[in-house]
Amino acid sequence: MSVIALLIIFSLVVAVGFLLAFIWAVKTGQYEDRYTPSVRILFDDVSDVSDKLKEESSVSENDKIKKSK
């Protein structure tokens, strides 16, 4: 019976650890990027996705600069 209690306590400690890790990940912004995963499947290489995102961000920044003038 004491082994079952020990296993229950251990599983609760592990579950609380995972919960704290999840809360930390959400608070630090690990789940903020919603665009890249949907586009990643369209490219063969992950570096292509980062290049495309850089191009799009530079284009949108240039548009913002042109519109502000």
N, C-alpha and C. Protein backbone atom coordinates (compact mmCIF):
# COMPACT_ATOMS: atom_id res chain seq x y z
N MET A 1 0.82 -1.20 0.00
CA MET A 1 0.00 0.00 0.00
C MET A 1 0.87 1.26 0.00
N SER A 2 1.99 1.21 0.69
CA SER A 2 2.85 2.39 0.75
C SER A 2 3.49 2.69 -0.62
N VAL A 3 3.68 1.64 -1.43
CA VAL A 3 4.25 1.84 -2.77
C VAL A 3 3.26 2.61 -3.64
N ILE A 4 1.99 2.32 -3.52
CA ILE A 4 0.97 3.03 -4.31
C ILE A 4 0.93 4.50 -3.90
N ALA A 5 1.00 4.78 -2.62
CA ALA A 5 1.00 6.17 -2.16
C ALA A 5 2.24 6.90 -2.66
N LEU A 6 3.37 6.21 -2.64
CA LEU A 6 4.61 6.81 -3.14
C LEU A 6 4.50 7.11 -4.64
N LEU A 7 3.93 6.19 -5.41
CA LEU A 7 3.77 6.42 -6.85
C LEU A 7 2.78 7.55 -7.14
N ILE A 8 1.73 7.66 -6.36
CA ILE A 8 0.77 8.75 -6.54
C ILE A 8 1.43 10.09 -6.26
N ILE A 9 2.19 10.16 -5.19
CA ILE A 9 2.89 11.41 -4.85
C ILE A 9 3.89 11.77 -5.94
N PHE A 10 4.65 10.79 -6.41
CA PHE A 10 5.63 11.03 -7.47
C PHE A 10 4.95 11.50 -8.75
N SER A 11 3.82 10.89 -9.12
CA SER A 11 3.13 11.30 -10.34
C SER A 11 2.56 12.70 -10.21
N LEU A 12 2.10 13.08 -9.02
CA LEU A 12 1.61 14.44 -8.81
C LEU A 12 2.74 15.46 -8.92
N VAL A 13 3.91 15.11 -8.41
CA VAL A 13 5.06 16.02 -8.52
C VAL A 13 5.46 16.20 -9.98
N VAL A 14 5.46 15.12 -10.74
CA VAL A 14 5.81 15.20 -12.17
C VAL A 14 4.75 16.03 -12.92
N ALA A 15 3.48 15.80 -12.60
CA ALA A 15 2.41 16.55 -13.27
C ALA A 15 2.51 18.04 -12.97
N VAL A 16 2.80 18.40 -11.73
CA VAL A 16 2.96 19.81 -11.37
C VAL A 16 4.18 20.40 -12.08
N GLY A 17 5.23 19.61 -12.24
CA GLY A 17 6.41 20.07 -12.98
C GLY A 17 6.08 20.38 -14.43
N PHE A 18 5.32 19.50 -15.07
CA PHE A 18 4.92 19.75 -16.45
C PHE A 18 3.98 20.95 -16.55
N LEU A 19 3.11 21.11 -15.59
CA LEU A 19 2.22 22.27 -15.58
C LEU A 19 3.00 23.57 -15.46
N LEU A 20 3.98 23.58 -14.58
CA LEU A 20 4.81 24.78 -14.41
C LEU A 20 5.63 25.06 -15.68
N ALA A 21 6.13 24.02 -16.32
CA ALA A 21 6.87 24.21 -17.57
C ALA A 21 5.97 24.77 -18.66
N PHE A 22 4.74 24.30 -18.73
CA PHE A 22 3.80 24.81 -19.72
C PHE A 22 3.46 26.27 -19.45
N ILE A 23 3.21 26.61 -18.19
CA ILE A 23 2.90 28.01 -17.83
C ILE A 23 4.08 28.90 -18.16
N TRP A 24 5.30 28.45 -17.89
CA TRP A 24 6.49 29.24 -18.21
C TRP A 24 6.59 29.45 -19.72
N ALA A 25 6.33 28.39 -20.50
CA ALA A 25 6.42 28.50 -21.96
C ALA A 25 5.40 29.49 -22.50
N VAL A 26 4.21 29.50 -21.96
CA VAL A 26 3.19 30.43 -22.42
C VAL A 26 3.55 31.86 -22.06
N LYS A 27 4.05 32.06 -20.85
CA LYS A 27 4.39 33.42 -20.41
C LYS A 27 5.59 34.00 -21.14
N THR A 28 6.52 33.15 -21.58
CA THR A 28 7.71 33.65 -22.28
C THR A 28 7.49 33.77 -23.78
N GLY A 29 6.28 33.46 -24.26
CA GLY A 29 5.97 33.68 -25.67
C GLY A 29 6.36 32.56 -26.59
N GLN A 30 6.50 31.35 -26.11
CA GLN A 30 6.89 30.23 -26.96
C GLN A 30 5.81 29.86 -27.97
N TYR A 31 4.58 30.23 -27.73
CA TYR A 31 3.48 29.87 -28.61
C TYR A 31 2.95 31.07 -29.40
N GLU A 32 3.74 32.10 -29.57
CA GLU A 32 3.29 33.32 -30.24
C GLU A 32 3.31 33.21 -31.76
N ASP A 33 4.18 32.39 -32.31
CA ASP A 33 4.32 32.30 -33.76
C ASP A 33 3.26 31.37 -34.33
N ARG A 34 2.23 31.93 -34.92
CA ARG A 34 1.16 31.12 -35.49
C ARG A 34 1.28 31.01 -37.01
N TYR A 35 2.11 31.82 -37.62
CA TYR A 35 2.20 31.85 -39.08
C TYR A 35 3.17 30.80 -39.63
N THR A 36 4.34 30.70 -39.05
CA THR A 36 5.38 29.84 -39.59
C THR A 36 4.98 28.37 -39.68
N PRO A 37 4.35 27.78 -38.66
CA PRO A 37 4.00 26.36 -38.80
C PRO A 37 3.06 26.07 -39.97
N SER A 38 2.18 26.99 -40.28
CA SER A 38 1.26 26.75 -41.39
C SER A 38 1.95 26.87 -42.74
N VAL A 39 3.06 27.56 -42.81
CA VAL A 39 3.77 27.76 -44.07
C VAL A 39 4.93 26.77 -44.22
N ARG A 40 5.38 26.23 -43.13
CA ARG A 40 6.56 25.36 -43.14
C ARG A 40 6.39 24.16 -44.06
N ILE A 41 5.19 23.63 -44.14
CA ILE A 41 4.96 22.44 -44.96
C ILE A 41 5.10 22.75 -46.46
N LEU A 42 4.99 24.00 -46.84
CA LEU A 42 5.05 24.37 -48.24
C LEU A 42 6.48 24.42 -48.77
N PHE A 43 7.47 24.43 -47.89
CA PHE A 43 8.86 24.55 -48.30
C PHE A 43 9.62 23.28 -47.97
N ASP A 44 10.67 23.01 -48.74
CA ASP A 44 11.48 21.82 -48.50
C ASP A 44 12.41 21.99 -47.31
N ASP A 45 12.92 23.18 -47.14
CA ASP A 45 13.92 23.41 -46.11
C ASP A 45 13.41 24.48 -45.15
N VAL A 46 13.75 24.33 -43.89
CA VAL A 46 13.30 25.27 -42.87
C VAL A 46 13.95 26.64 -43.10
N SER A 47 15.16 26.67 -43.63
CA SER A 47 15.82 27.95 -43.88
C SER A 47 15.06 28.77 -44.92
N ASP A 48 14.37 28.08 -45.84
CA ASP A 48 13.55 28.79 -46.82
C ASP A 48 12.44 29.57 -46.15
N VAL A 49 11.85 28.98 -45.12
CA VAL A 49 10.77 29.65 -44.40
C VAL A 49 11.29 30.90 -43.71
N SER A 50 12.44 30.79 -43.07
CA SER A 50 12.99 31.97 -42.39
C SER A 50 13.37 33.05 -43.40
N ASP A 51 13.88 32.64 -44.58
CA ASP A 51 14.20 33.63 -45.61
C ASP A 51 12.94 34.33 -46.10
N LYS A 52 11.88 33.57 -46.32
CA LYS A 52 10.62 34.15 -46.79
C LYS A 52 10.06 35.11 -45.75
N LEU A 53 10.13 34.71 -44.48
CA LEU A 53 9.61 35.57 -43.43
C LEU A 53 10.41 36.86 -43.32
N LYS A 54 11.73 36.76 -43.51
CA LYS A 54 12.56 37.97 -43.49
C LYS A 54 12.20 38.89 -44.65
N GLU A 55 11.99 38.29 -45.82
CA GLU A 55 11.61 39.09 -46.99
C GLU A 55 10.27 39.78 -46.76
N GLU A 56 9.30 39.03 -46.23
CA GLU A 56 7.98 39.61 -46.00
C GLU A 56 8.03 40.72 -44.96
N SER A 57 8.84 40.52 -43.92
CA SER A 57 8.92 41.56 -42.89
C SER A 57 9.62 42.80 -43.43
N SER A 58 10.64 42.62 -44.29
CA SER A 58 11.32 43.78 -44.84
C SER A 58 10.40 44.52 -45.82
N VAL A 59 9.60 43.77 -46.56
CA VAL A 59 8.66 44.40 -47.48
C VAL A 59 7.61 45.17 -46.70
N SER A 60 7.08 44.58 -45.64
CA SER A 60 6.06 45.27 -44.86
C SER A 60 6.64 46.49 -44.16
N GLU A 61 7.90 46.42 -43.73
CA GLU A 61 8.54 47.59 -43.11
C GLU A 61 8.73 48.69 -44.15
N ASN A 62 9.12 48.31 -45.36
CA ASN A 62 9.29 49.30 -46.43
C ASN A 62 7.96 49.95 -46.78
N ASP A 63 6.89 49.17 -46.80
CA ASP A 63 5.56 49.72 -47.06
C ASP A 63 5.17 50.70 -45.98
N LYS A 64 5.48 50.39 -44.73
CA LYS A 64 5.14 51.28 -43.63
C LYS A 64 5.90 52.60 -43.75
N ILE A 65 7.17 52.49 -44.15
CA ILE A 65 7.99 53.69 -44.30
C ILE A 65 7.44 54.56 -45.45
N LYS A 66 7.09 53.91 -46.57
CA LYS A 66 6.57 54.65 -47.70
C LYS A 66 5.23 55.31 -47.38
N LYS A 67 4.39 54.61 -46.63
CA LYS A 67 3.07 55.16 -46.28
C LYS A 67 3.19 56.33 -45.30
N SER A 68 4.21 56.29 -44.46
CA SER A 68 4.36 57.36 -43.47
C SER A 68 4.89 58.64 -44.11
N LYS A 69 5.51 58.54 -45.28
CA LYS A 69 6.07 59.72 -45.95
C LYS A 69 5.02 60.45 -46.66
